């Protein structure tokens, strides 16, 4: 399962899910929260690392698959890793290549720090994942904003062309967003509209996370008394 030994943490980490459509700003919010809460206190995990390995398929077949549906993810491994983190065990998520749609070994270890931020477009679709999270946030942004951000990201980080990004958006992303992503908006504990500056959203989210941490600490003190 690619886990390591327990870290000996006194308490289980607070697992915070950040969901929303592709290009809604999930990774950016995670980075802002890590800065606001302190890098030593926060670990980050991306659901994107758990796309199924398609190495057994020819490259043309891999390129033609739909990667915006729940079946595209190795959900068993993802849930096992969430369970391990809650138990105080560090994990090594897969290292996934978006250029080839294949796994290329293991990623960097993720430790069960006091706060673990988990982001993904379909994060809240699975009831088992929702049950594993202590807090869930949904980032809401208009389609035109999400598409602009996706084009910029995929060109600079994933070796894509503008034409290929737009074609994929029309072929699968728009439909999948309506079918699988947008319905999970109502399942989140907090919905934040992300069309402007990210700092106010990070301030709201970090305050809520700190409140959850304080409540957990209070319960621990009561239980130990």
C-alpha atoms as a PDB file:
ATOM      1  CA  UNK A   1       0.000   0.000   0.000  1.00  0.00           C
ATOM      2  CA  UNK A   2       3.107   2.199   0.024  1.00  0.00           C
ATOM      3  CA  UNK A   3       2.908   3.284   3.656  1.00  0.00           C
ATOM      4  CA  UNK A   4       5.586   3.808   6.264  1.00  0.00           C
ATOM      5  CA  UNK A   5       5.697   3.438  10.020  1.00  0.00           C
ATOM      6  CA  UNK A   6       3.396   5.443  12.337  1.00  0.00           C
ATOM      7  CA  UNK A   7       4.768   8.866  13.136  1.00  0.00           C
ATOM      8  CA  UNK A   8       3.706   8.786  16.757  1.00  0.00           C
ATOM      9  CA  UNK A   9       1.447  11.841  16.409  1.00  0.00           C
ATOM     10  CA  UNK A  10      -0.655  12.404  19.546  1.00  0.00           C
ATOM     11  CA  UNK A  11      -3.846  13.022  17.587  1.00  0.00           C
ATOM     12  CA  UNK A  12      -5.274  12.010  14.258  1.00  0.00           C
ATOM     13  CA  UNK A  13      -4.874  14.740  11.638  1.00  0.00           C
ATOM     14  CA  UNK A  14      -7.789  16.885  10.560  1.00  0.00           C
ATOM     15  CA  UNK A  15      -8.546  15.879   6.974  1.00  0.00           C
ATOM     16  CA  UNK A  16      -9.795  18.818   4.910  1.00  0.00           C
ATOM     17  CA  UNK A  17     -11.187  18.225   1.438  1.00  0.00           C
ATOM     18  CA  UNK A  18     -11.035  20.922  -1.247  1.00  0.00           C
ATOM     19  CA  UNK A  19     -13.325  20.130  -4.176  1.00  0.00           C
ATOM     20  CA  UNK A  20     -14.566  22.001  -7.241  1.00  0.00           C
ATOM     21  CA  UNK A  21     -14.341  21.945 -10.991  1.00  0.00           C
ATOM     22  CA  UNK A  22     -11.154  21.815 -13.009  1.00  0.00           C
ATOM     23  CA  UNK A  23      -9.621  25.281 -12.860  1.00  0.00           C
ATOM     24  CA  UNK A  24     -11.612  26.390  -9.817  1.00  0.00           C
ATOM     25  CA  UNK A  25      -8.430  27.063  -7.825  1.00  0.00           C
ATOM     26  CA  UNK A  26      -8.183  24.024  -5.548  1.00  0.00           C
ATOM     27  CA  UNK A  27      -4.396  23.679  -5.654  1.00  0.00           C
ATOM     28  CA  UNK A  28      -3.948  27.434  -5.244  1.00  0.00           C
ATOM     29  CA  UNK A  29      -6.162  27.445  -2.154  1.00  0.00           C
ATOM     30  CA  UNK A  30      -4.250  24.488  -0.719  1.00  0.00           C
ATOM     31  CA  UNK A  31      -0.970  26.373  -1.153  1.00  0.00           C
ATOM     32  CA  UNK A  32      -2.433  29.506   0.433  1.00  0.00           C
ATOM     33  CA  UNK A  33      -3.752  27.513   3.396  1.00  0.00           C
ATOM     34  CA  UNK A  34      -0.404  25.811   3.867  1.00  0.00           C
ATOM     35  CA  UNK A  35       1.225  29.223   4.077  1.00  0.00           C
ATOM     36  CA  UNK A  36      -1.442  30.626   6.407  1.00  0.00           C
ATOM     37  CA  UNK A  37      -1.446  27.662   8.788  1.00  0.00           C
ATOM     38  CA  UNK A  38       2.289  26.979   8.673  1.00  0.00           C
ATOM     39  CA  UNK A  39       4.091  24.553   6.387  1.00  0.00           C
ATOM     40  CA  UNK A  40       5.200  22.389   9.321  1.00  0.00           C
ATOM     41  CA  UNK A  41       1.565  21.902  10.350  1.00  0.00           C
ATOM     42  CA  UNK A  42       0.117  21.033   6.947  1.00  0.00           C
ATOM     43  CA  UNK A  43       0.465  18.141   4.491  1.00  0.00           C
ATOM     44  CA  UNK A  44      -1.092  18.124   1.020  1.00  0.00           C
ATOM     45  CA  UNK A  45      -2.475  15.246  -1.028  1.00  0.00           C
ATOM     46  CA  UNK A  46      -3.995  15.414  -4.507  1.00  0.00           C
ATOM     47  CA  UNK A  47      -6.679  13.034  -5.737  1.00  0.00           C
ATOM     48  CA  UNK A  48      -5.134  13.528  -9.205  1.00  0.00           C
ATOM     49  CA  UNK A  49      -2.253  11.256  -8.171  1.00  0.00           C
ATOM     50  CA  UNK A  50      -4.676   8.335  -8.047  1.00  0.00           C
ATOM     51  CA  UNK A  51      -5.684   8.161 -11.691  1.00  0.00           C
ATOM     52  CA  UNK A  52      -5.557   4.540 -12.800  1.00  0.00           C
ATOM     53  CA  UNK A  53      -2.355   3.417 -14.473  1.00  0.00           C
ATOM     54  CA  UNK A  54      -3.036   2.976 -18.196  1.00  0.00           C
ATOM     55  CA  UNK A  55       0.403   1.661 -19.149  1.00  0.00           C
ATOM     56  CA  UNK A  56      -1.092  -1.554 -20.513  1.00  0.00           C
ATOM     57  CA  UNK A  57      -2.919   0.357 -23.251  1.00  0.00           C
ATOM     58  CA  UNK A  58      -1.419   1.775 -26.470  1.00  0.00           C
ATOM     59  CA  UNK A  59      -0.744   5.514 -26.366  1.00  0.00           C
ATOM     60  CA  UNK A  60      -3.605   6.291 -28.773  1.00  0.00           C
ATOM     61  CA  UNK A  61      -6.062   4.339 -26.625  1.00  0.00           C
ATOM     62  CA  UNK A  62      -4.870   6.076 -23.467  1.00  0.00           C
ATOM     63  CA  UNK A  63      -5.360   9.482 -25.077  1.00  0.00           C
ATOM     64  CA  UNK A  64      -8.948   8.613 -26.007  1.00  0.00           C
ATOM     65  CA  UNK A  65     -10.118   7.657 -22.519  1.00  0.00           C
ATOM     66  CA  UNK A  66     -12.431   9.824 -20.397  1.00  0.00           C
ATOM     67  CA  UNK A  67     -10.481  11.040 -17.371  1.00  0.00           C
ATOM     68  CA  UNK A  68     -13.296  13.131 -15.897  1.00  0.00           C
ATOM     69  CA  UNK A  69     -15.456  10.316 -14.534  1.00  0.00           C
ATOM     70  CA  UNK A  70     -15.280   8.511 -11.161  1.00  0.00           C
ATOM     71  CA  UNK A  71     -14.146   5.272 -12.819  1.00  0.00           C
ATOM     72  CA  UNK A  72     -10.907   6.963 -13.896  1.00  0.00           C
ATOM     73  CA  UNK A  73      -9.580   6.845 -10.321  1.00  0.00           C
ATOM     74  CA  UNK A  74      -8.038   4.055  -8.237  1.00  0.00           C
ATOM     75  CA  UNK A  75     -10.430   4.730  -5.404  1.00  0.00           C
ATOM     76  CA  UNK A  76      -9.479   1.683  -3.333  1.00  0.00           C
ATOM     77  CA  UNK A  77      -5.877   2.861  -3.023  1.00  0.00           C
ATOM     78  CA  UNK A  78      -6.968   6.434  -2.362  1.00  0.00           C
ATOM     79  CA  UNK A  79      -9.271   5.399   0.496  1.00  0.00           C
ATOM     80  CA  UNK A  80      -6.595   3.113   1.923  1.00  0.00           C
ATOM     81  CA  UNK A  81      -4.181   6.036   2.000  1.00  0.00           C
ATOM     82  CA  UNK A  82      -6.704   8.333   3.682  1.00  0.00           C
ATOM     83  CA  UNK A  83      -7.267   5.648   6.319  1.00  0.00           C
ATOM     84  CA  UNK A  84      -3.517   5.297   6.849  1.00  0.00           C
ATOM     85  CA  UNK A  85      -3.055   9.043   7.298  1.00  0.00           C
ATOM     86  CA  UNK A  86      -5.828   9.154   9.879  1.00  0.00           C
ATOM     87  CA  UNK A  87      -4.107   6.304  11.721  1.00  0.00           C
ATOM     88  CA  UNK A  88      -0.866   8.291  11.867  1.00  0.00           C
ATOM     89  CA  UNK A  89       0.914   6.441   9.074  1.00  0.00           C
ATOM     90  CA  UNK A  90       2.795   8.286   6.326  1.00  0.00           C
ATOM     91  CA  UNK A  91       1.989   7.276   2.753  1.00  0.00           C
ATOM     92  CA  UNK A  92       3.632   7.453  -0.666  1.00  0.00           C
ATOM     93  CA  UNK A  93       1.029   8.326  -3.288  1.00  0.00           C
ATOM     94  CA  UNK A  94       1.594   7.272  -6.892  1.00  0.00           C
ATOM     95  CA  UNK A  95       3.494   9.609  -9.183  1.00  0.00           C
ATOM     96  CA  UNK A  96       1.230  10.033 -12.197  1.00  0.00           C
ATOM     97  CA  UNK A  97       2.231  11.445 -15.578  1.00  0.00           C
ATOM     98  CA  UNK A  98      -0.485  13.485 -17.282  1.00  0.00           C
ATOM     99  CA  UNK A  99       1.521  13.428 -20.508  1.00  0.00           C
ATOM    100  CA  UNK A 100       1.490   9.611 -20.800  1.00  0.00           C
ATOM    101  CA  UNK A 101      -1.449   8.719 -18.486  1.00  0.00           C
ATOM    102  CA  UNK A 102       0.826   6.247 -16.710  1.00  0.00           C
ATOM    103  CA  UNK A 103       2.257   5.919 -13.230  1.00  0.00           C
ATOM    104  CA  UNK A 104       5.972   6.508 -13.005  1.00  0.00           C
ATOM    105  CA  UNK A 105       6.828   5.174  -9.570  1.00  0.00           C
ATOM    106  CA  UNK A 106       5.919   6.674  -6.218  1.00  0.00           C
ATOM    107  CA  UNK A 107       5.589  10.324  -5.276  1.00  0.00           C
ATOM    108  CA  UNK A 108       7.069  12.080  -2.262  1.00  0.00           C
ATOM    109  CA  UNK A 109       5.941  10.817   1.177  1.00  0.00           C
ATOM    110  CA  UNK A 110       2.920  12.532   2.744  1.00  0.00           C
ATOM    111  CA  UNK A 111       3.040  12.692   6.525  1.00  0.00           C
ATOM    112  CA  UNK A 112      -0.009  12.830   8.818  1.00  0.00           C
ATOM    113  CA  UNK A 113       0.578  16.368  10.074  1.00  0.00           C
ATOM    114  CA  UNK A 114      -2.083  18.151  12.185  1.00  0.00           C
ATOM    115  CA  UNK A 115      -3.864  19.255   8.988  1.00  0.00           C
ATOM    116  CA  UNK A 116      -3.958  17.229   5.766  1.00  0.00           C
ATOM    117  CA  UNK A 117      -5.370  19.102   2.771  1.00  0.00           C
ATOM    118  CA  UNK A 118      -6.829  16.833   0.096  1.00  0.00           C
ATOM    119  CA  UNK A 119      -7.946  18.300  -3.237  1.00  0.00           C
ATOM    120  CA  UNK A 120      -9.698  16.907  -6.300  1.00  0.00           C
ATOM    121  CA  UNK A 121     -12.479  17.554  -8.784  1.00  0.00           C
ATOM    122  CA  UNK A 122     -14.431  14.412  -7.818  1.00  0.00           C
ATOM    123  CA  UNK A 123     -13.338  14.354  -4.195  1.00  0.00           C
ATOM    124  CA  UNK A 124     -16.867  14.567  -2.765  1.00  0.00           C
ATOM    125  CA  UNK A 125     -18.536  12.180  -5.212  1.00  0.00           C
ATOM    126  CA  UNK A 126     -17.665   9.087  -3.167  1.00  0.00           C
ATOM    127  CA  UNK A 127     -19.637   8.779   0.126  1.00  0.00           C
ATOM    128  CA  UNK A 128     -16.731   6.870   1.698  1.00  0.00           C
ATOM    129  CA  UNK A 129     -14.376   9.783   1.035  1.00  0.00           C
ATOM    130  CA  UNK A 130     -16.874  12.289   2.398  1.00  0.00           C
ATOM    131  CA  UNK A 131     -17.118  10.198   5.561  1.00  0.00           C
ATOM    132  CA  UNK A 132     -13.324  10.185   5.920  1.00  0.00           C
ATOM    133  CA  UNK A 133     -13.069  13.987   5.770  1.00  0.00           C
ATOM    134  CA  UNK A 134     -13.469  16.210   8.817  1.00  0.00           C
ATOM    135  CA  UNK A 135     -14.270  19.279   6.726  1.00  0.00           C
ATOM    136  CA  UNK A 136     -15.105  19.788   3.057  1.00  0.00           C
ATOM    137  CA  UNK A 137     -14.804  22.962   0.973  1.00  0.00           C
ATOM    138  CA  UNK A 138     -16.188  23.458  -2.531  1.00  0.00           C
ATOM    139  CA  UNK A 139     -14.657  26.151  -4.729  1.00  0.00           C
ATOM    140  CA  UNK A 140     -17.195  27.612  -7.141  1.00  0.00           C
ATOM    141  CA  UNK A 141     -16.181  29.477 -10.301  1.00  0.00           C
ATOM    142  CA  UNK A 142     -17.918  30.225 -13.618  1.00  0.00           C
ATOM    143  CA  UNK A 143     -17.116  27.977 -16.549  1.00  0.00           C
ATOM    144  CA  UNK A 144     -15.303  30.695 -18.514  1.00  0.00           C
ATOM    145  CA  UNK A 145     -12.973  31.323 -15.565  1.00  0.00           C
ATOM    146  CA  UNK A 146     -12.307  27.636 -15.019  1.00  0.00           C
ATOM    147  CA  UNK A 147     -11.586  27.092 -18.711  1.00  0.00           C
ATOM    148  CA  UNK A 148      -9.138  30.000 -18.873  1.00  0.00           C
ATOM    149  CA  UNK A 149      -7.263  28.672 -15.864  1.00  0.00           C
ATOM    150  CA  UNK A 150      -7.248  25.105 -17.219  1.00  0.00           C
ATOM    151  CA  UNK A 151      -5.811  26.193 -20.563  1.00  0.00           C
ATOM    152  CA  UNK A 152      -3.053  28.155 -18.843  1.00  0.00           C
ATOM    153  CA  UNK A 153      -2.202  25.297 -16.454  1.00  0.00           C
ATOM    154  CA  UNK A 154      -2.251  22.466 -18.988  1.00  0.00           C
ATOM    155  CA  UNK A 155      -0.045  24.339 -21.448  1.00  0.00           C
ATOM    156  CA  UNK A 156       2.552  25.365 -18.842  1.00  0.00           C
ATOM    157  CA  UNK A 157       2.532  22.254 -16.608  1.00  0.00           C
ATOM    158  CA  UNK A 158       1.268  19.314 -18.662  1.00  0.00           C
ATOM    159  CA  UNK A 159       2.717  19.860 -22.124  1.00  0.00           C
ATOM    160  CA  UNK A 160      -0.663  20.348 -23.796  1.00  0.00           C
ATOM    161  CA  UNK A 161      -1.719  22.611 -26.650  1.00  0.00           C
ATOM    162  CA  UNK A 162      -4.587  25.084 -26.538  1.00  0.00           C
ATOM    163  CA  UNK A 163      -6.446  23.094 -29.184  1.00  0.00           C
ATOM    164  CA  UNK A 164      -6.167  19.820 -27.264  1.00  0.00           C
ATOM    165  CA  UNK A 165      -7.328  21.412 -24.000  1.00  0.00           C
ATOM    166  CA  UNK A 166     -10.356  22.997 -25.656  1.00  0.00           C
ATOM    167  CA  UNK A 167     -11.214  19.760 -27.460  1.00  0.00           C
ATOM    168  CA  UNK A 168     -11.091  17.770 -24.228  1.00  0.00           C
ATOM    169  CA  UNK A 169     -13.164  20.382 -22.419  1.00  0.00           C
ATOM    170  CA  UNK A 170     -15.887  20.165 -25.055  1.00  0.00           C
ATOM    171  CA  UNK A 171     -15.734  16.373 -25.319  1.00  0.00           C
ATOM    172  CA  UNK A 172     -15.716  15.344 -21.655  1.00  0.00           C
ATOM    173  CA  UNK A 173     -14.978  18.024 -19.054  1.00  0.00           C
ATOM    174  CA  UNK A 174     -18.121  20.139 -19.450  1.00  0.00           C
ATOM    175  CA  UNK A 175     -20.414  17.114 -19.371  1.00  0.00           C
ATOM    176  CA  UNK A 176     -18.622  15.504 -16.426  1.00  0.00           C
ATOM    177  CA  UNK A 177     -18.718  18.739 -14.449  1.00  0.00           C
ATOM    178  CA  UNK A 178     -22.501  18.885 -14.769  1.00  0.00           C
ATOM    179  CA  UNK A 179     -22.950  15.187 -13.997  1.00  0.00           C
ATOM    180  CA  UNK A 180     -20.416  14.573 -11.227  1.00  0.00           C
ATOM    181  CA  UNK A 181     -18.828  17.763  -9.898  1.00  0.00           C
ATOM    182  CA  UNK A 182     -21.600  20.344  -9.625  1.00  0.00           C
ATOM    183  CA  UNK A 183     -23.941  17.999  -7.668  1.00  0.00           C
ATOM    184  CA  UNK A 184     -21.318  17.700  -4.910  1.00  0.00           C
ATOM    185  CA  UNK A 185     -21.489  21.433  -4.264  1.00  0.00           C
ATOM    186  CA  UNK A 186     -24.489  20.840  -2.000  1.00  0.00           C
ATOM    187  CA  UNK A 187     -22.561  18.205  -0.027  1.00  0.00           C
ATOM    188  CA  UNK A 188     -19.736  20.503   1.091  1.00  0.00           C
ATOM    189  CA  UNK A 189     -19.547  22.091   4.524  1.00  0.00           C
ATOM    190  CA  UNK A 190     -18.424  25.381   2.991  1.00  0.00           C
ATOM    191  CA  UNK A 191     -18.860  26.829  -0.510  1.00  0.00           C
ATOM    192  CA  UNK A 192     -16.553  29.654  -1.594  1.00  0.00           C
ATOM    193  CA  UNK A 193     -16.868  31.608  -4.834  1.00  0.00           C
ATOM    194  CA  UNK A 194     -13.440  31.999  -6.453  1.00  0.00           C
ATOM    195  CA  UNK A 195     -13.575  34.723  -9.084  1.00  0.00           C
ATOM    196  CA  UNK A 196     -11.235  37.294  -7.585  1.00  0.00           C
ATOM    197  CA  UNK A 197      -8.524  37.486  -4.955  1.00  0.00           C
ATOM    198  CA  UNK A 198      -7.749  34.211  -3.198  1.00  0.00           C
ATOM    199  CA  UNK A 199      -6.567  35.744   0.083  1.00  0.00           C
ATOM    200  CA  UNK A 200     -10.041  36.392   1.559  1.00  0.00           C
ATOM    201  CA  UNK A 201     -11.076  32.819   0.786  1.00  0.00           C
ATOM    202  CA  UNK A 202      -7.943  31.442   2.434  1.00  0.00           C
ATOM    203  CA  UNK A 203      -8.649  33.585   5.489  1.00  0.00           C
ATOM    204  CA  UNK A 204     -12.186  32.190   5.817  1.00  0.00           C
ATOM    205  CA  UNK A 205     -11.079  28.608   5.271  1.00  0.00           C
ATOM    206  CA  UNK A 206      -8.107  28.812   7.633  1.00  0.00           C
ATOM    207  CA  UNK A 207     -10.317  30.249  10.386  1.00  0.00           C
ATOM    208  CA  UNK A 208     -12.694  27.310  10.002  1.00  0.00           C
ATOM    209  CA  UNK A 209      -9.832  24.802  10.051  1.00  0.00           C
ATOM    210  CA  UNK A 210      -8.347  26.394  13.170  1.00  0.00           C
ATOM    211  CA  UNK A 211     -11.758  26.168  14.812  1.00  0.00           C
ATOM    212  CA  UNK A 212     -11.898  22.431  14.042  1.00  0.00           C
ATOM    213  CA  UNK A 213      -8.416  21.980  15.491  1.00  0.00           C
ATOM    214  CA  UNK A 214      -9.379  23.871  18.645  1.00  0.00           C
ATOM    215  CA  UNK A 215     -12.529  21.800  19.095  1.00  0.00           C
ATOM    216  CA  UNK A 216     -10.570  18.579  18.704  1.00  0.00           C
ATOM    217  CA  UNK A 217      -7.974  19.730  21.234  1.00  0.00           C
ATOM    218  CA  UNK A 218     -10.739  20.644  23.681  1.00  0.00           C
ATOM    219  CA  UNK A 219     -12.327  17.203  23.340  1.00  0.00           C
ATOM    220  CA  UNK A 220      -8.934  15.593  23.895  1.00  0.00           C
ATOM    221  CA  UNK A 221      -8.392  17.583  27.090  1.00  0.00           C
ATOM    222  CA  UNK A 222     -11.842  16.626  28.362  1.00  0.00           C
ATOM    223  CA  UNK A 223     -11.239  12.979  27.570  1.00  0.00           C
ATOM    224  CA  UNK A 224      -7.898  13.018  29.363  1.00  0.00           C
ATOM    225  CA  UNK A 225      -9.288  14.703  32.484  1.00  0.00           C
END
